[in-house]
Amino acid sequence: MERDEIYSKALRAGRRTYFFDVRSTKAGDYYLTVTESKKFTEEDGTFHFKKHKIYLYKEDFSEFKNILDEMTDYIISEKGEEVISEKHQKDFKKDDENVEDENNEN
């Protein structure tokens, strides 16, 4: 662990991994970094990772959490918890494809 990392957890989700790291500022206060790391494999078998990082400071935790909760609640209430994705479901069809299929049946 790096010198300024205090506490860490990782969430593996398919090709993505999310790292949650509590770090220390020079003044000794704590902040949170959230890093999304996604693995890309080349045709020759080599791979690389793309990373995106956000920094969250204590003064923003409450509002950030409120908005995150609101957004995740909205998604679940509108679309449910089932994952709908072309990559996850081989028989998945977009809404316009379903309409086109229905029109062809008539």
C-alpha atoms as a PDB file:
ATOM      1  CA  MET A   1       0.000   0.000   0.000  1.00  0.00           C
ATOM      2  CA  GLU A   2       1.244   3.474  -0.802  1.00  0.00           C
ATOM      3  CA  ARG A   3       2.316   5.628   2.126  1.00  0.00           C
ATOM      4  CA  ASP A   4      -0.795   7.838   1.925  1.00  0.00           C
ATOM      5  CA  GLU A   5      -3.304   4.965   1.567  1.00  0.00           C
ATOM      6  CA  ILE A   6      -5.106   4.329   4.853  1.00  0.00           C
ATOM      7  CA  TYR A   7      -7.872   1.865   3.965  1.00  0.00           C
ATOM      8  CA  SER A   8      -8.764   0.154   0.660  1.00  0.00           C
ATOM      9  CA  LYS A   9     -11.410  -2.087  -0.838  1.00  0.00           C
ATOM     10  CA  ALA A  10     -11.919  -3.416  -4.368  1.00  0.00           C
ATOM     11  CA  LEU A  11     -15.085  -4.379  -6.226  1.00  0.00           C
ATOM     12  CA  ARG A  12     -14.576  -6.669  -9.219  1.00  0.00           C
ATOM     13  CA  ALA A  13     -17.319  -6.400 -11.837  1.00  0.00           C
ATOM     14  CA  GLY A  14     -16.539  -8.263 -15.064  1.00  0.00           C
ATOM     15  CA  ARG A  15     -13.755  -6.487 -16.942  1.00  0.00           C
ATOM     16  CA  ARG A  16     -14.003  -3.567 -14.543  1.00  0.00           C
ATOM     17  CA  THR A  17     -12.584  -3.216 -11.078  1.00  0.00           C
ATOM     18  CA  TYR A  18     -13.514  -0.365  -8.777  1.00  0.00           C
ATOM     19  CA  PHE A  19     -10.966   0.622  -6.137  1.00  0.00           C
ATOM     20  CA  PHE A  20     -12.045   2.610  -3.095  1.00  0.00           C
ATOM     21  CA  ASP A  21      -9.065   4.106  -1.286  1.00  0.00           C
ATOM     22  CA  VAL A  22      -8.966   6.310   1.792  1.00  0.00           C
ATOM     23  CA  ARG A  23      -5.888   8.503   1.519  1.00  0.00           C
ATOM     24  CA  SER A  24      -4.235  11.114   3.634  1.00  0.00           C
ATOM     25  CA  THR A  25      -3.533  14.711   2.726  1.00  0.00           C
ATOM     26  CA  LYS A  26      -0.250  16.406   3.622  1.00  0.00           C
ATOM     27  CA  ALA A  27      -2.130  18.037   6.498  1.00  0.00           C
ATOM     28  CA  GLY A  28      -3.173  14.617   7.831  1.00  0.00           C
ATOM     29  CA  ASP A  29      -6.867  14.758   6.876  1.00  0.00           C
ATOM     30  CA  TYR A  30      -8.552  11.961   4.887  1.00  0.00           C
ATOM     31  CA  TYR A  31     -10.232  11.886   1.482  1.00  0.00           C
ATOM     32  CA  LEU A  32     -11.567   9.153  -0.788  1.00  0.00           C
ATOM     33  CA  THR A  33     -10.478   8.169  -4.266  1.00  0.00           C
ATOM     34  CA  VAL A  34     -12.659   5.944  -6.442  1.00  0.00           C
ATOM     35  CA  THR A  35     -10.868   4.430  -9.416  1.00  0.00           C
ATOM     36  CA  GLU A  36     -12.492   2.514 -12.245  1.00  0.00           C
ATOM     37  CA  SER A  37      -9.981   0.240 -13.967  1.00  0.00           C
ATOM     38  CA  LYS A  38     -11.030  -1.549 -17.155  1.00  0.00           C
ATOM     39  CA  LYS A  39      -8.971  -4.244 -18.868  1.00  0.00           C
ATOM     40  CA  PHE A  40      -8.578  -4.185 -22.649  1.00  0.00           C
ATOM     41  CA  THR A  41      -7.062  -7.172 -24.461  1.00  0.00           C
ATOM     42  CA  GLU A  42      -5.371  -6.690 -27.830  1.00  0.00           C
ATOM     43  CA  GLU A  43      -5.561  -9.198 -30.703  1.00  0.00           C
ATOM     44  CA  ASP A  44      -1.997 -10.345 -29.976  1.00  0.00           C
ATOM     45  CA  GLY A  45      -2.955 -11.268 -26.401  1.00  0.00           C
ATOM     46  CA  THR A  46      -1.334  -8.279 -24.732  1.00  0.00           C
ATOM     47  CA  PHE A  47      -3.500  -6.126 -22.522  1.00  0.00           C
ATOM     48  CA  HIS A  48      -3.668  -2.721 -20.942  1.00  0.00           C
ATOM     49  CA  PHE A  49      -5.852  -0.971 -18.400  1.00  0.00           C
ATOM     50  CA  LYS A  50      -7.710   2.313 -18.718  1.00  0.00           C
ATOM     51  CA  LYS A  51      -8.274   4.075 -15.412  1.00  0.00           C
ATOM     52  CA  HIS A  52     -10.574   6.879 -14.383  1.00  0.00           C
ATOM     53  CA  LYS A  53     -10.355   8.405 -10.941  1.00  0.00           C
ATOM     54  CA  ILE A  54     -12.473  10.752  -8.872  1.00  0.00           C
ATOM     55  CA  TYR A  55     -11.477  12.428  -5.632  1.00  0.00           C
ATOM     56  CA  LEU A  56     -14.057  12.982  -2.902  1.00  0.00           C
ATOM     57  CA  TYR A  57     -13.423  15.239   0.060  1.00  0.00           C
ATOM     58  CA  LYS A  58     -15.266  15.179   3.385  1.00  0.00           C
ATOM     59  CA  GLU A  59     -17.084  18.435   2.761  1.00  0.00           C
ATOM     60  CA  ASP A  60     -18.751  16.835  -0.290  1.00  0.00           C
ATOM     61  CA  PHE A  61     -19.589  13.387   1.165  1.00  0.00           C
ATOM     62  CA  SER A  62     -23.117  14.145   2.352  1.00  0.00           C
ATOM     63  CA  GLU A  63     -24.371  15.789  -0.846  1.00  0.00           C
ATOM     64  CA  PHE A  64     -22.519  13.298  -3.058  1.00  0.00           C
ATOM     65  CA  LYS A  65     -24.096  10.382  -1.176  1.00  0.00           C
ATOM     66  CA  ASN A  66     -27.554  11.987  -1.350  1.00  0.00           C
ATOM     67  CA  ILE A  67     -27.330  12.441  -5.114  1.00  0.00           C
ATOM     68  CA  LEU A  68     -25.834   8.976  -5.654  1.00  0.00           C
ATOM     69  CA  ASP A  69     -28.665   7.431  -3.610  1.00  0.00           C
ATOM     70  CA  GLU A  70     -31.246   9.454  -5.536  1.00  0.00           C
ATOM     71  CA  MET A  71     -29.817   8.427  -8.916  1.00  0.00           C
ATOM     72  CA  THR A  72     -29.473   4.724  -8.075  1.00  0.00           C
ATOM     73  CA  ASP A  73     -32.991   4.664  -6.563  1.00  0.00           C
ATOM     74  CA  TYR A  74     -34.331   6.294  -9.740  1.00  0.00           C
ATOM     75  CA  ILE A  75     -32.669   3.714 -11.996  1.00  0.00           C
ATOM     76  CA  ILE A  76     -33.990   0.794  -9.923  1.00  0.00           C
ATOM     77  CA  SER A  77     -37.499   2.251  -9.734  1.00  0.00           C
ATOM     78  CA  GLU A  78     -37.602   2.937 -13.488  1.00  0.00           C
ATOM     79  CA  LYS A  79     -35.845  -0.187 -14.814  1.00  0.00           C
ATOM     80  CA  GLY A  80     -35.715  -2.676 -11.924  1.00  0.00           C
ATOM     81  CA  GLU A  81     -32.647  -4.561 -10.771  1.00  0.00           C
ATOM     82  CA  GLU A  82     -32.425  -6.911 -13.761  1.00  0.00           C
ATOM     83  CA  VAL A  83     -29.514  -6.120 -16.077  1.00  0.00           C
ATOM     84  CA  ILE A  84     -30.669  -5.367 -19.612  1.00  0.00           C
ATOM     85  CA  SER A  85     -27.753  -5.437 -22.000  1.00  0.00           C
ATOM     86  CA  GLU A  86     -26.911  -6.786 -25.434  1.00  0.00           C
ATOM     87  CA  LYS A  87     -23.652  -8.130 -24.016  1.00  0.00           C
ATOM     88  CA  HIS A  88     -25.381  -9.888 -21.114  1.00  0.00           C
ATOM     89  CA  GLN A  89     -28.395 -11.336 -22.963  1.00  0.00           C
ATOM     90  CA  LYS A  90     -27.953 -13.009 -26.346  1.00  0.00           C
ATOM     91  CA  ASP A  91     -31.686 -12.714 -27.156  1.00  0.00           C
ATOM     92  CA  PHE A  92     -31.871  -9.020 -26.188  1.00  0.00           C
ATOM     93  CA  LYS A  93     -33.600  -6.775 -28.746  1.00  0.00           C
ATOM     94  CA  LYS A  94     -33.849  -3.018 -28.689  1.00  0.00           C
ATOM     95  CA  ASP A  95     -37.377  -1.590 -28.488  1.00  0.00           C
ATOM     96  CA  ASP A  96     -37.424  -0.524 -32.175  1.00  0.00           C
ATOM     97  CA  GLU A  97     -36.352  -4.053 -33.210  1.00  0.00           C
ATOM     98  CA  ASN A  98     -39.269  -5.478 -31.204  1.00  0.00           C
ATOM     99  CA  VAL A  99     -41.684  -3.069 -32.911  1.00  0.00           C
ATOM    100  CA  GLU A 100     -40.261  -3.981 -36.327  1.00  0.00           C
ATOM    101  CA  ASP A 101     -40.635  -7.719 -35.542  1.00  0.00           C
ATOM    102  CA  GLU A 102     -44.246  -7.148 -34.434  1.00  0.00           C
ATOM    103  CA  ASN A 103     -44.992  -5.217 -37.638  1.00  0.00           C
ATOM    104  CA  ASN A 104     -43.544  -8.019 -39.785  1.00  0.00           C
ATOM    105  CA  GLU A 105     -45.836 -10.552 -38.107  1.00  0.00           C
ATOM    106  CA  ASN A 106     -48.978  -8.716 -39.328  1.00  0.00           C
END
